[in-house]
């Protein structure tokens, strides 16, 4: 008796998903909190560009906004509309709802004061978190964000894009300077009344300084005039690093780096893409590129600078500044 095998052609809907469909299913979904800065559209343009092939996409946003800061209140509607209408990003009414729809979060609010409150539901939802500058509105909040993230095993970090300026990256790759002996960094330094003086914009130049010098700053002294800031940091081993904040004349970013092999210029602005590249690596690996100890020291440096100004330029110890902030948590 002959036996026959019946072959049935299944409709396409029952076939194994194509590689394109599988790839779409694996896209890492990103949410943005605080749509009141040009960073949200600039970052989204890069992240959502198919040519980048990041495997990530900004898909949801929560507007936020701070009514007592004009640069936030006057821009939040514009950037929210651009994100929704140009990039197809869904706008939701709460951070909790945003967290249910994403795999990772960019906290972009231009105002650092609400960052702790905004970070709490993200950390509770166990979503990896990048916080744009300034990480918070005071040092105690910076410490608390890191404490909560560590307690809940949630990877969390913050950085200015200036950390990844091409000259600094190249210097670290090639060891062209040798051992770092000192650094003089500078950046624009506009002030905002609700933030410690350097938090608002000086953070960019201070980030350059620490990207070069690393941790180990022991004390700070500061001089302020209407148009300039000058902060001197004393590092372990007698190394000196300085920050000059600019409010008059040409506004630019950079640093002179002093080493055992050479003296070079570095720290020029290189766009947002190098930072975005690091954010994408972070989301894909869960590995934090900037240790929390360094970020804490950056904000302690800026907080100590305010205290030094209040004391007429007297020396303020970084360790004492951090300890005082811990007591406020």
Protein backbone atom coordinates (compact mmCIF):
# COMPACT_ATOMS: atom_id res chain seq x y z
CA UNK A 1 0.00 0.00 0.00
CA UNK A 2 1.47 3.34 -1.05
CA UNK A 3 1.66 6.19 1.45
CA UNK A 4 1.52 9.86 0.44
CA UNK A 5 2.66 12.96 2.31
CA UNK A 6 0.35 15.98 2.00
CA UNK A 7 2.20 19.29 1.84
CA UNK A 8 0.13 22.32 2.83
CA UNK A 9 1.26 25.88 2.05
CA UNK A 10 0.55 28.03 5.09
CA UNK A 11 -0.50 31.67 4.73
CA UNK A 12 2.31 34.19 5.20
CA UNK A 13 0.97 35.20 8.61
CA UNK A 14 1.86 31.75 9.99
CA UNK A 15 5.43 31.71 8.69
CA UNK A 16 8.47 32.28 10.90
CA UNK A 17 9.06 36.06 11.28
CA UNK A 18 11.52 37.54 8.83
CA UNK A 19 14.84 38.93 9.98
CA UNK A 20 13.46 42.46 9.58
CA UNK A 21 10.52 41.67 11.85
CA UNK A 22 12.83 40.11 14.42
CA UNK A 23 15.05 43.17 14.31
CA UNK A 24 12.06 45.46 14.88
CA UNK A 25 11.03 43.40 17.88
CA UNK A 26 14.45 43.93 19.47
CA UNK A 27 14.50 47.73 19.27
CA UNK A 28 15.43 49.23 22.65
CA UNK A 29 12.65 51.69 23.47
CA UNK A 30 13.71 54.99 25.05
CA UNK A 31 11.58 57.47 26.96
CA UNK A 32 12.40 61.16 27.51
CA UNK A 33 11.42 63.12 30.62
CA UNK A 34 11.50 66.93 30.45
CA UNK A 35 10.93 68.27 26.94
CA UNK A 36 12.15 71.81 27.59
CA UNK A 37 15.64 71.76 26.08
CA UNK A 38 17.05 71.55 22.58
CA UNK A 39 18.79 68.36 23.69
CA UNK A 40 15.56 66.38 23.30
CA UNK A 41 15.24 67.06 19.58
CA UNK A 42 18.99 66.93 18.95
CA UNK A 43 19.34 63.57 20.72
CA UNK A 44 16.22 62.13 19.10
CA UNK A 45 17.39 63.14 15.61
CA UNK A 46 20.60 61.16 16.13
CA UNK A 47 19.12 58.17 17.99
CA UNK A 48 16.19 57.68 15.59
CA UNK A 49 18.31 58.05 12.44
CA UNK A 50 18.09 54.65 10.64
CA UNK A 51 21.54 55.21 9.17
CA UNK A 52 23.04 55.05 12.69
CA UNK A 53 21.68 51.53 13.18
CA UNK A 54 21.73 51.97 16.95
CA UNK A 55 18.94 49.46 17.56
CA UNK A 56 17.35 52.05 19.86
CA UNK A 57 14.50 54.50 19.35
CA UNK A 58 12.96 57.38 21.30
CA UNK A 59 9.29 56.42 21.44
CA UNK A 60 7.67 58.19 24.41
CA UNK A 61 8.02 61.59 26.08
CA UNK A 62 6.76 63.37 29.20
CA UNK A 63 6.78 67.17 28.87
CA UNK A 64 7.43 68.42 32.40
CA UNK A 65 8.67 72.01 32.48
CA UNK A 66 9.45 74.59 35.18
CA UNK A 67 7.17 77.67 35.30
CA UNK A 68 9.68 79.82 37.21
CA UNK A 69 12.51 79.40 34.67
CA UNK A 70 11.72 81.20 31.37
CA UNK A 71 14.12 79.05 29.33
CA UNK A 72 12.00 76.08 30.39
CA UNK A 73 8.47 77.51 30.47
CA UNK A 74 8.84 79.33 27.15
CA UNK A 75 10.20 76.32 25.25
CA UNK A 76 8.49 73.21 26.60
CA UNK A 77 5.48 73.44 24.25
CA UNK A 78 7.69 73.98 21.20
CA UNK A 79 9.96 71.02 21.86
CA UNK A 80 7.03 68.79 22.84
CA UNK A 81 5.31 69.58 19.54
CA UNK A 82 8.48 68.95 17.55
CA UNK A 83 9.06 65.63 19.23
CA UNK A 84 5.47 64.54 18.60
CA UNK A 85 4.90 65.96 15.09
CA UNK A 86 8.34 65.58 13.51
CA UNK A 87 9.60 62.40 15.16
CA UNK A 88 6.34 60.59 15.94
CA UNK A 89 7.05 60.36 19.67
CA UNK A 90 4.04 59.55 21.86
CA UNK A 91 3.45 62.15 24.60
CA UNK A 92 2.09 60.80 27.90
CA UNK A 93 0.72 62.44 31.05
CA UNK A 94 2.89 60.82 33.70
CA UNK A 95 6.35 59.40 34.28
CA UNK A 96 4.79 56.17 35.54
CA UNK A 97 2.99 55.70 32.22
CA UNK A 98 6.17 56.47 30.32
CA UNK A 99 8.08 53.82 32.29
CA UNK A 100 5.54 51.14 31.33
CA UNK A 101 6.25 51.76 27.64
CA UNK A 102 10.07 51.88 27.56
CA UNK A 103 13.27 49.95 28.28
CA UNK A 104 15.41 52.94 29.32
CA UNK A 105 15.03 56.63 30.17
CA UNK A 106 16.73 59.93 29.35
CA UNK A 107 15.97 62.56 32.01
CA UNK A 108 16.39 65.81 30.08
CA UNK A 109 14.65 68.51 32.18
CA UNK A 110 16.75 71.67 31.86
CA UNK A 111 16.02 72.46 35.52
CA UNK A 112 18.03 70.29 37.90
CA UNK A 113 15.73 70.84 40.89
CA UNK A 114 13.00 68.32 39.93
CA UNK A 115 15.45 65.62 38.87
CA UNK A 116 15.30 63.68 42.14
CA UNK A 117 11.50 63.63 42.11
CA UNK A 118 11.48 62.66 38.42
CA UNK A 119 14.13 59.97 38.89
CA UNK A 120 12.32 58.20 41.73
CA UNK A 121 9.57 56.53 39.61
CA UNK A 122 12.15 55.57 36.97
CA UNK A 123 14.32 53.88 39.58
CA UNK A 124 11.26 52.23 41.13
CA UNK A 125 10.42 50.84 37.68
CA UNK A 126 13.99 49.45 37.38
CA UNK A 127 14.74 51.32 34.15
CA UNK A 128 18.36 52.26 33.31
CA UNK A 129 18.66 56.03 33.57
CA UNK A 130 20.80 58.76 32.02
CA UNK A 131 20.41 62.23 33.59
CA UNK A 132 21.43 65.24 31.53
CA UNK A 133 23.26 68.17 33.09
CA UNK A 134 22.91 69.35 35.78
CA UNK A 135 22.31 66.03 37.50
CA UNK A 136 20.36 67.79 40.26
CA UNK A 137 19.77 71.19 41.82
CA UNK A 138 22.03 70.54 44.82
CA UNK A 139 24.64 68.06 46.00
CA UNK A 140 22.34 66.34 48.51
CA UNK A 141 19.96 65.41 45.66
CA UNK A 142 22.86 64.06 43.58
CA UNK A 143 23.85 61.82 46.48
CA UNK A 144 20.26 60.68 47.02
CA UNK A 145 19.72 59.78 43.36
CA UNK A 146 22.85 57.63 43.39
CA UNK A 147 21.84 56.06 46.73
CA UNK A 148 18.41 55.08 45.43
CA UNK A 149 19.84 53.78 42.15
CA UNK A 150 22.44 51.67 43.97
CA UNK A 151 19.89 50.40 46.50
CA UNK A 152 17.59 49.28 43.68
CA UNK A 153 20.38 47.97 41.44
CA UNK A 154 19.50 50.45 38.67
CA UNK A 155 22.37 51.71 36.46
CA UNK A 156 22.37 55.52 36.51
CA UNK A 157 24.83 58.21 35.39
CA UNK A 158 25.15 61.79 34.22
CA UNK A 159 27.51 63.72 31.96
CA UNK A 160 27.99 66.82 29.86
CA UNK A 161 28.70 66.25 26.16
CA UNK A 162 31.99 68.15 26.66
CA UNK A 163 33.49 65.13 28.43
CA UNK A 164 33.56 63.43 25.04
CA UNK A 165 35.10 66.25 23.02
CA UNK A 166 37.42 64.80 20.35
CA UNK A 167 40.63 66.24 21.84
CA UNK A 168 40.03 64.64 25.24
CA UNK A 169 39.07 61.29 23.74
CA UNK A 170 42.14 61.30 21.48
CA UNK A 171 44.42 62.31 24.36
CA UNK A 172 43.27 59.34 26.42
CA UNK A 173 43.64 56.92 23.51
CA UNK A 174 47.16 57.92 22.53
CA UNK A 175 48.73 58.90 25.87
CA UNK A 176 50.20 61.88 24.01
CA UNK A 177 50.45 63.96 27.19
CA UNK A 178 51.80 61.34 29.56
CA UNK A 179 50.92 61.70 33.22
CA UNK A 180 48.52 64.60 33.80
CA UNK A 181 50.16 67.28 35.94
CA UNK A 182 47.47 69.96 35.68
CA UNK A 183 44.67 71.43 33.60
CA UNK A 184 43.17 74.88 32.96
CA UNK A 185 39.59 74.47 31.65
CA UNK A 186 37.13 77.13 30.51
CA UNK A 187 33.55 77.45 29.28
CA UNK A 188 30.64 79.89 29.14
CA UNK A 189 29.13 80.38 32.59
CA UNK A 190 25.73 82.06 32.56
CA UNK A 191 23.97 82.03 35.94
CA UNK A 192 20.45 80.98 36.95
CA UNK A 193 19.06 82.20 40.26
CA UNK A 194 17.58 78.85 41.35
CA UNK A 195 20.83 76.88 40.98
CA UNK A 196 24.30 77.05 42.54
CA UNK A 197 26.30 79.36 40.27
CA UNK A 198 28.31 76.78 38.32
CA UNK A 199 25.56 74.14 38.07
CA UNK A 200 23.62 75.89 35.31
CA UNK A 201 26.26 76.23 32.59
CA UNK A 202 29.66 76.18 34.23
CA UNK A 203 29.14 72.44 34.67
CA UNK A 204 30.31 71.98 31.07
CA UNK A 205 33.76 73.40 31.80
CA UNK A 206 34.01 71.66 35.17
CA UNK A 207 33.20 68.38 33.39
CA UNK A 208 36.10 69.05 31.02
CA UNK A 209 38.36 69.66 34.02
CA UNK A 210 37.44 66.38 35.71
CA UNK A 211 37.49 64.41 32.44
CA UNK A 212 41.17 65.40 32.28
CA UNK A 213 42.17 65.41 35.96
CA UNK A 214 40.01 62.58 37.31
CA UNK A 215 38.99 62.32 40.96
CA UNK A 216 41.11 63.33 43.92
CA UNK A 217 40.32 67.03 44.27
CA UNK A 218 40.85 67.98 47.91
CA UNK A 219 39.94 71.64 48.14
CA UNK A 220 38.58 74.63 46.21
CA UNK A 221 39.10 78.41 46.18
CA UNK A 222 37.01 80.79 44.06
CA UNK A 223 37.13 84.35 42.77
CA UNK A 224 34.09 85.94 41.09
CA UNK A 225 33.65 89.20 39.18
CA UNK A 226 30.57 90.30 37.20
CA UNK A 227 31.99 88.85 33.99
CA UNK A 228 34.15 85.94 35.09
CA UNK A 229 34.60 83.00 37.45
CA UNK A 230 37.93 81.55 38.49
CA UNK A 231 38.09 78.41 40.61
CA UNK A 232 41.30 76.72 41.74
CA UNK A 233 41.19 73.07 42.75
CA UNK A 234 44.01 71.36 44.63
CA UNK A 235 44.33 67.66 43.75
CA UNK A 236 46.20 64.89 45.53
CA UNK A 237 49.95 65.02 44.99
CA UNK A 238 49.97 68.79 44.67
CA UNK A 239 48.41 68.88 41.19
CA UNK A 240 46.39 72.00 40.35
CA UNK A 241 43.34 72.24 38.14
CA UNK A 242 41.50 75.47 37.38
CA UNK A 243 38.16 76.45 35.88
CA UNK A 244 37.52 79.83 34.20
CA UNK A 245 33.86 80.76 33.59
CA UNK A 246 33.14 83.26 30.81
CA UNK A 247 30.31 85.78 30.69
CA UNK A 248 31.98 88.47 28.55
CA UNK A 249 33.83 88.31 25.26
CA UNK A 250 33.96 85.23 23.06
CA UNK A 251 32.19 82.19 24.46
CA UNK A 252 33.98 78.91 23.84
CA UNK A 253 34.99 75.63 25.46
CA UNK A 254 38.44 74.19 25.96
CA UNK A 255 41.39 73.39 28.17
CA UNK A 256 45.16 73.52 28.36
CA UNK A 257 46.45 70.17 29.60
CA UNK A 258 49.89 69.94 31.22
CA UNK A 259 51.61 66.56 31.15
CA UNK A 260 54.96 64.87 31.56
CA UNK A 261 55.32 64.46 27.78
CA UNK A 262 53.68 67.58 26.36
CA UNK A 263 51.29 70.47 26.79
CA UNK A 264 48.22 70.34 24.55
CA UNK A 265 44.94 72.12 23.84
CA UNK A 266 41.78 70.01 24.26
CA UNK A 267 38.12 70.17 25.22
CA UNK A 268 36.62 71.87 22.16
CA UNK A 269 32.93 71.22 21.61
CA UNK A 270 32.46 68.24 19.30
CA UNK A 271 28.67 68.00 19.04
CA UNK A 272 26.23 65.66 20.76
CA UNK A 273 26.94 62.44 18.86
CA UNK A 274 29.92 61.27 20.97
CA UNK A 275 27.75 61.52 24.11
CA UNK A 276 24.83 59.81 22.37
CA UNK A 277 27.17 56.98 21.35
CA UNK A 278 28.06 56.47 25.02
CA UNK A 279 24.40 56.59 26.07
CA UNK A 280 23.54 53.88 23.53
CA UNK A 281 26.42 51.70 24.74
CA UNK A 282 25.14 52.19 28.27
CA UNK A 283 21.62 51.10 27.37
CA UNK A 284 22.91 48.05 25.51
CA UNK A 285 25.40 46.91 28.15
CA UNK A 286 24.16 48.37 31.44
CA UNK A 287 27.73 49.53 32.11
CA UNK A 288 28.16 53.07 33.48
CA UNK A 289 30.91 55.02 31.63
CA UNK A 290 31.42 57.69 34.31
CA UNK A 291 31.79 56.40 37.90
CA UNK A 292 29.39 57.95 40.40
CA UNK A 293 32.34 58.96 42.59
CA UNK A 294 33.57 61.27 39.84
CA UNK A 295 30.15 62.83 39.25
CA UNK A 296 29.71 63.38 42.99
CA UNK A 297 33.10 65.09 43.13
CA UNK A 298 32.19 67.34 40.18
CA UNK A 299 29.09 68.60 42.00
CA UNK A 300 30.98 68.86 45.29
CA UNK A 301 33.58 71.00 43.48
CA UNK A 302 30.87 73.37 42.24
CA UNK A 303 29.10 73.47 45.60
CA UNK A 304 32.38 74.14 47.40
CA UNK A 305 33.00 76.98 44.94
CA UNK A 306 29.79 78.65 46.13
CA UNK A 307 30.84 78.27 49.74
CA UNK A 308 34.28 79.67 48.96
CA UNK A 309 32.67 82.71 47.33
CA UNK A 310 30.52 83.24 50.42
CA UNK A 311 33.69 83.13 52.53
CA UNK A 312 35.57 85.66 50.42
CA UNK A 313 37.61 83.12 48.46
CA UNK A 314 38.68 81.00 51.43
CA UNK A 315 39.71 77.37 50.92
CA UNK A 316 36.83 74.86 51.23
CA UNK A 317 37.47 71.13 51.61
CA UNK A 318 35.70 68.75 49.22
CA UNK A 319 35.34 66.00 51.84
CA UNK A 320 33.61 68.39 54.23
CA UNK A 321 31.30 69.62 51.47
CA UNK A 322 30.21 66.05 50.69
CA UNK A 323 29.73 65.23 54.38
CA UNK A 324 27.50 68.29 54.89
CA UNK A 325 25.39 67.28 51.90
CA UNK A 326 24.99 63.72 53.21
CA UNK A 327 23.49 65.09 56.40
CA UNK A 328 20.81 66.87 54.30
CA UNK A 329 19.65 63.72 52.52
